C-alpha cells in the first residue's frame, strides 16, 4: 500500500497575501484598484522575476 503525503503550503499563500496587502497600503490604492491589483500584481512580479533569471 502506498503512503499518502500531505503538504501544507500555507507559508507561500501567507507571503503572497502579505505582499499584496503591503502593495495596496504602500501605493495608497482605492478599494477597486486594490481588487484590480489582485489580478495584476502576480503578473508583474512574475515578469520582474523572469527578467532576473534570464
PDB file of N, CA and C in Angstrom:
ATOM      1  N   UNK A   1       0.838  -1.169   0.000  1.00  0.00           N
ATOM      2  CA  UNK A   1       0.000   0.000   0.000  1.00  0.00           C
ATOM      3  C   UNK A   1       0.892   1.244   0.000  1.00  0.00           C
ATOM      4  N   UNK A   2       0.578   2.210  -0.854  1.00  0.00           N
ATOM      5  CA  UNK A   2       1.351   3.442  -0.950  1.00  0.00           C
ATOM      6  C   UNK A   2       0.998   4.388   0.187  1.00  0.00           C
ATOM      7  N   UNK A   3       2.014   5.125   0.602  1.00  0.00           N
ATOM      8  CA  UNK A   3       1.774   6.139   1.622  1.00  0.00           C
ATOM      9  C   UNK A   3       1.308   7.422   0.945  1.00  0.00           C
ATOM     10  N   UNK A   4       0.428   8.130   1.602  1.00  0.00           N
ATOM     11  CA  UNK A   4      -0.078   9.402   1.096  1.00  0.00           C
ATOM     12  C   UNK A   4       0.657  10.514   1.824  1.00  0.00           C
ATOM     13  N   UNK A   5       1.225  11.413   1.049  1.00  0.00           N
ATOM     14  CA  UNK A   5       1.970  12.534   1.623  1.00  0.00           C
ATOM     15  C   UNK A   5       1.147  13.804   1.447  1.00  0.00           C
ATOM     16  N   UNK A   6       0.888  14.492   2.544  1.00  0.00           N
ATOM     17  CA  UNK A   6       0.124  15.730   2.515  1.00  0.00           C
ATOM     18  C   UNK A   6       1.095  16.883   2.769  1.00  0.00           C
ATOM     19  N   UNK A   7       1.105  17.851   1.849  1.00  0.00           N
ATOM     20  CA  UNK A   7       1.980  19.001   2.000  1.00  0.00           C
ATOM     21  C   UNK A   7       1.143  20.231   2.286  1.00  0.00           C
ATOM     22  N   UNK A   8       1.673  21.086   3.140  1.00  0.00           N
ATOM     23  CA  UNK A   8       0.979  22.312   3.503  1.00  0.00           C
ATOM     24  C   UNK A   8       1.789  23.494   2.981  1.00  0.00           C
ATOM     25  N   UNK A   9       1.174  24.299   2.133  1.00  0.00           N
ATOM     26  CA  UNK A   9       1.864  25.448   1.548  1.00  0.00           C
ATOM     27  C   UNK A   9       1.279  26.757   2.061  1.00  0.00           C
ATOM     28  N   UNK A  10       0.914  26.777   3.314  1.00  0.00           N
ATOM     29  CA  UNK A  10       0.274  27.975   3.853  1.00  0.00           C
ATOM     30  C   UNK A  10       1.247  29.147   3.952  1.00  0.00           C
ATOM     31  N   UNK A  11       2.542  28.881   4.142  1.00  0.00           N
ATOM     32  CA  UNK A  11       3.504  29.978   4.225  1.00  0.00           C
ATOM     33  C   UNK A  11       3.580  30.737   2.904  1.00  0.00           C
ATOM     34  N   UNK A  12       3.540  30.009   1.792  1.00  0.00           N
ATOM     35  CA  UNK A  12       3.577  30.651   0.484  1.00  0.00           C
ATOM     36  C   UNK A  12       2.348  31.518   0.279  1.00  0.00           C
ATOM     37  N   UNK A  13       1.192  31.006   0.630  1.00  0.00           N
ATOM     38  CA  UNK A  13      -0.048  31.774   0.483  1.00  0.00           C
ATOM     39  C   UNK A  13      -0.029  32.997   1.390  1.00  0.00           C
ATOM     40  N   UNK A  14       0.463  32.839   2.603  1.00  0.00           N
ATOM     41  CA  UNK A  14       0.546  33.971   3.528  1.00  0.00           C
ATOM     42  C   UNK A  14       1.506  35.024   2.999  1.00  0.00           C
ATOM     43  N   UNK A  15       2.628  34.603   2.439  1.00  0.00           N
ATOM     44  CA  UNK A  15       3.599  35.551   1.894  1.00  0.00           C
ATOM     45  C   UNK A  15       2.998  36.335   0.737  1.00  0.00           C
ATOM     46  N   UNK A  16       2.263  35.645  -0.129  1.00  0.00           N
ATOM     47  CA  UNK A  16       1.614  36.324  -1.256  1.00  0.00           C
ATOM     48  C   UNK A  16       0.592  37.327  -0.745  1.00  0.00           C
ATOM     49  N   UNK A  17      -0.220  36.932   0.212  1.00  0.00           N
ATOM     50  CA  UNK A  17      -1.250  37.807   0.754  1.00  0.00           C
ATOM     51  C   UNK A  17      -0.638  39.010   1.459  1.00  0.00           C
ATOM     52  N   UNK A  18       0.428  38.787   2.228  1.00  0.00           N
ATOM     53  CA  UNK A  18       1.095  39.890   2.925  1.00  0.00           C
ATOM     54  C   UNK A  18       1.716  40.864   1.927  1.00  0.00           C
ATOM     55  N   UNK A  19       2.318  40.345   0.876  1.00  0.00           N
ATOM     56  CA  UNK A  19       2.886  41.210  -0.156  1.00  0.00           C
ATOM     57  C   UNK A  19       1.831  42.019  -0.877  1.00  0.00           C
ATOM     58  N   UNK A  20       0.694  41.395  -1.125  1.00  0.00           N
ATOM     59  CA  UNK A  20      -0.415  42.088  -1.783  1.00  0.00           C
ATOM     60  C   UNK A  20      -0.946  43.212  -0.895  1.00  0.00           C
ATOM     61  N   UNK A  21      -1.123  42.939   0.395  1.00  0.00           N
ATOM     62  CA  UNK A  21      -1.587  43.977   1.314  1.00  0.00           C
ATOM     63  C   UNK A  21      -0.569  45.113   1.441  1.00  0.00           C
ATOM     64  N   UNK A  22       0.709  44.758   1.483  1.00  0.00           N
ATOM     65  CA  UNK A  22       1.748  45.786   1.554  1.00  0.00           C
ATOM     66  C   UNK A  22       1.698  46.682   0.319  1.00  0.00           C
ATOM     67  N   UNK A  23       1.526  46.069  -0.858  1.00  0.00           N
ATOM     68  CA  UNK A  23       1.474  46.837  -2.100  1.00  0.00           C
ATOM     69  C   UNK A  23       0.301  47.799  -2.096  1.00  0.00           C
ATOM     70  N   UNK A  24      -0.856  47.340  -1.669  1.00  0.00           N
ATOM     71  CA  UNK A  24      -2.038  48.196  -1.625  1.00  0.00           C
ATOM     72  C   UNK A  24      -1.821  49.354  -0.646  1.00  0.00           C
ATOM     73  N   UNK A  25      -1.280  49.065   0.517  1.00  0.00           N
ATOM     74  CA  UNK A  25      -1.037  50.117   1.506  1.00  0.00           C
ATOM     75  C   UNK A  25       0.048  51.085   1.076  1.00  0.00           C
ATOM     76  N   UNK A  26       1.112  50.566   0.491  1.00  0.00           N
ATOM     77  CA  UNK A  26       2.231  51.407   0.079  1.00  0.00           C
ATOM     78  C   UNK A  26       1.832  52.362  -1.039  1.00  0.00           C
ATOM     79  N   UNK A  27       1.007  51.901  -1.960  1.00  0.00           N
ATOM     80  CA  UNK A  27       0.594  52.729  -3.093  1.00  0.00           C
ATOM     81  C   UNK A  27      -0.667  53.534  -2.815  1.00  0.00           C
ATOM     82  N   UNK A  28      -1.264  53.357  -1.630  1.00  0.00           N
ATOM     83  CA  UNK A  28      -2.496  54.063  -1.253  1.00  0.00           C
ATOM     84  C   UNK A  28      -3.595  53.855  -2.293  1.00  0.00           C
ATOM     85  N   UNK A  29      -3.827  52.594  -2.642  1.00  0.00           N
ATOM     86  CA  UNK A  29      -4.827  52.279  -3.664  1.00  0.00           C
ATOM     87  C   UNK A  29      -6.231  52.327  -3.080  1.00  0.00           C
ATOM     88  N   UNK A  30      -7.189  52.699  -3.917  1.00  0.00           N
ATOM     89  CA  UNK A  30      -8.589  52.651  -3.505  1.00  0.00           C
ATOM     90  C   UNK A  30      -9.056  51.192  -3.507  1.00  0.00           C
ATOM     91  N   UNK A  31     -10.282  50.967  -3.073  1.00  0.00           N
ATOM     92  CA  UNK A  31     -10.797  49.598  -2.971  1.00  0.00           C
ATOM     93  C   UNK A  31     -10.781  48.901  -4.324  1.00  0.00           C
ATOM     94  N   UNK A  32     -11.317  49.529  -5.359  1.00  0.00           N
ATOM     95  CA  UNK A  32     -11.414  48.869  -6.666  1.00  0.00           C
ATOM     96  C   UNK A  32     -10.048  48.703  -7.315  1.00  0.00           C
ATOM     97  N   UNK A  33      -9.159  49.635  -7.099  1.00  0.00           N
ATOM     98  CA  UNK A  33      -7.799  49.466  -7.607  1.00  0.00           C
ATOM     99  C   UNK A  33      -7.103  48.321  -6.864  1.00  0.00           C
ATOM    100  N   UNK A  34      -7.421  48.164  -5.584  1.00  0.00           N
ATOM    101  CA  UNK A  34      -6.874  47.045  -4.817  1.00  0.00           C
ATOM    102  C   UNK A  34      -7.393  45.711  -5.318  1.00  0.00           C
ATOM    103  N   UNK A  35      -8.676  45.665  -5.662  1.00  0.00           N
ATOM    104  CA  UNK A  35      -9.247  44.437  -6.229  1.00  0.00           C
ATOM    105  C   UNK A  35      -8.588  44.142  -7.576  1.00  0.00           C
ATOM    106  N   UNK A  36      -8.397  45.173  -8.385  1.00  0.00           N
ATOM    107  CA  UNK A  36      -7.733  45.012  -9.676  1.00  0.00           C
ATOM    108  C   UNK A  36      -6.288  44.545  -9.495  1.00  0.00           C
ATOM    109  N   UNK A  37      -5.645  44.998  -8.404  1.00  0.00           N
ATOM    110  CA  UNK A  37      -4.255  44.621  -8.121  1.00  0.00           C
ATOM    111  C   UNK A  37      -4.124  43.130  -7.825  1.00  0.00           C
ATOM    112  N   UNK A  38      -5.196  42.501  -7.366  1.00  0.00           N
ATOM    113  CA  UNK A  38      -5.152  41.053  -7.120  1.00  0.00           C
ATOM    114  C   UNK A  38      -4.784  40.315  -8.402  1.00  0.00           C
ATOM    115  N   UNK A  39      -5.295  40.793  -9.520  1.00  0.00           N
ATOM    116  CA  UNK A  39      -5.045  40.136 -10.795  1.00  0.00           C
ATOM    117  C   UNK A  39      -3.709  40.541 -11.422  1.00  0.00           C
ATOM    118  N   UNK A  40      -3.330  41.794 -11.289  1.00  0.00           N
ATOM    119  CA  UNK A  40      -2.138  42.279 -11.980  1.00  0.00           C
ATOM    120  C   UNK A  40      -0.844  42.118 -11.193  1.00  0.00           C
ATOM    121  N   UNK A  41      -0.910  42.185  -9.876  1.00  0.00           N
ATOM    122  CA  UNK A  41       0.302  42.129  -9.067  1.00  0.00           C
ATOM    123  C   UNK A  41       1.113  40.847  -9.311  1.00  0.00           C
ATOM    124  N   UNK A  42       0.493  39.661  -9.305  1.00  0.00           N
ATOM    125  CA  UNK A  42       1.295  38.458  -9.564  1.00  0.00           C
ATOM    126  C   UNK A  42       1.920  38.452 -10.962  1.00  0.00           C
ATOM    127  N   UNK A  43       1.235  39.020 -11.932  1.00  0.00           N
ATOM    128  CA  UNK A  43       1.779  39.076 -13.299  1.00  0.00           C
ATOM    129  C   UNK A  43       3.055  39.916 -13.334  1.00  0.00           C
ATOM    130  N   UNK A  44       3.004  41.115 -12.764  1.00  0.00           N
ATOM    131  CA  UNK A  44       4.170  41.989 -12.803  1.00  0.00           C
ATOM    132  C   UNK A  44       5.326  41.442 -11.973  1.00  0.00           C
ATOM    133  N   UNK A  45       5.035  40.791 -10.874  1.00  0.00           N
ATOM    134  CA  UNK A  45       6.096  40.146 -10.094  1.00  0.00           C
ATOM    135  C   UNK A  45       6.728  39.025 -10.916  1.00  0.00           C
ATOM    136  N   UNK A  46       5.905  38.250 -11.607  1.00  0.00           N
ATOM    137  CA  UNK A  46       6.429  37.171 -12.464  1.00  0.00           C
ATOM    138  C   UNK A  46       7.296  37.687 -13.588  1.00  0.00           C
ATOM    139  N   UNK A  47       6.891  38.787 -14.209  1.00  0.00           N
ATOM    140  CA  UNK A  47       7.690  39.382 -15.284  1.00  0.00           C
ATOM    141  C   UNK A  47       9.019  39.877 -14.727  1.00  0.00           C
ATOM    142  N   UNK A  48       8.985  40.498 -13.559  1.00  0.00           N
ATOM    143  CA  UNK A  48      10.217  41.006 -12.955  1.00  0.00           C
ATOM    144  C   UNK A  48      11.172  39.874 -12.601  1.00  0.00           C
ATOM    145  N   UNK A  49      10.643  38.799 -11.988  1.00  0.00           N
ATOM    146  CA  UNK A  49      11.486  37.670 -11.588  1.00  0.00           C
ATOM    147  C   UNK A  49      12.047  36.958 -12.818  1.00  0.00           C
ATOM    148  N   UNK A  50      11.235  36.807 -13.870  1.00  0.00           N
ATOM    149  CA  UNK A  50      11.738  36.152 -15.075  1.00  0.00           C
ATOM    150  C   UNK A  50      12.857  36.980 -15.713  1.00  0.00           C
ATOM    151  N   UNK A  51      12.806  38.302 -15.571  1.00  0.00           N
ATOM    152  CA  UNK A  51      13.889  39.144 -16.058  1.00  0.00           C
ATOM    153  C   UNK A  51      15.178  38.933 -15.280  1.00  0.00           C
ATOM    154  N   UNK A  52      15.065  38.607 -14.007  1.00  0.00           N
ATOM    155  CA  UNK A  52      16.250  38.327 -13.197  1.00  0.00           C
ATOM    156  C   UNK A  52      16.891  36.993 -13.572  1.00  0.00           C
ATOM    157  N   UNK A  53      16.056  36.047 -13.945  1.00  0.00           N
ATOM    158  CA  UNK A  53      16.550  34.697 -14.255  1.00  0.00           C
ATOM    159  C   UNK A  53      17.287  34.650 -15.588  1.00  0.00           C
ATOM    160  N   UNK A  54      16.854  35.463 -16.546  1.00  0.00           N
ATOM    161  CA  UNK A  54      17.463  35.432 -17.897  1.00  0.00           C
ATOM    162  C   UNK A  54      18.858  35.946 -17.904  1.00  0.00           C
TER     163      UNK A  54
END
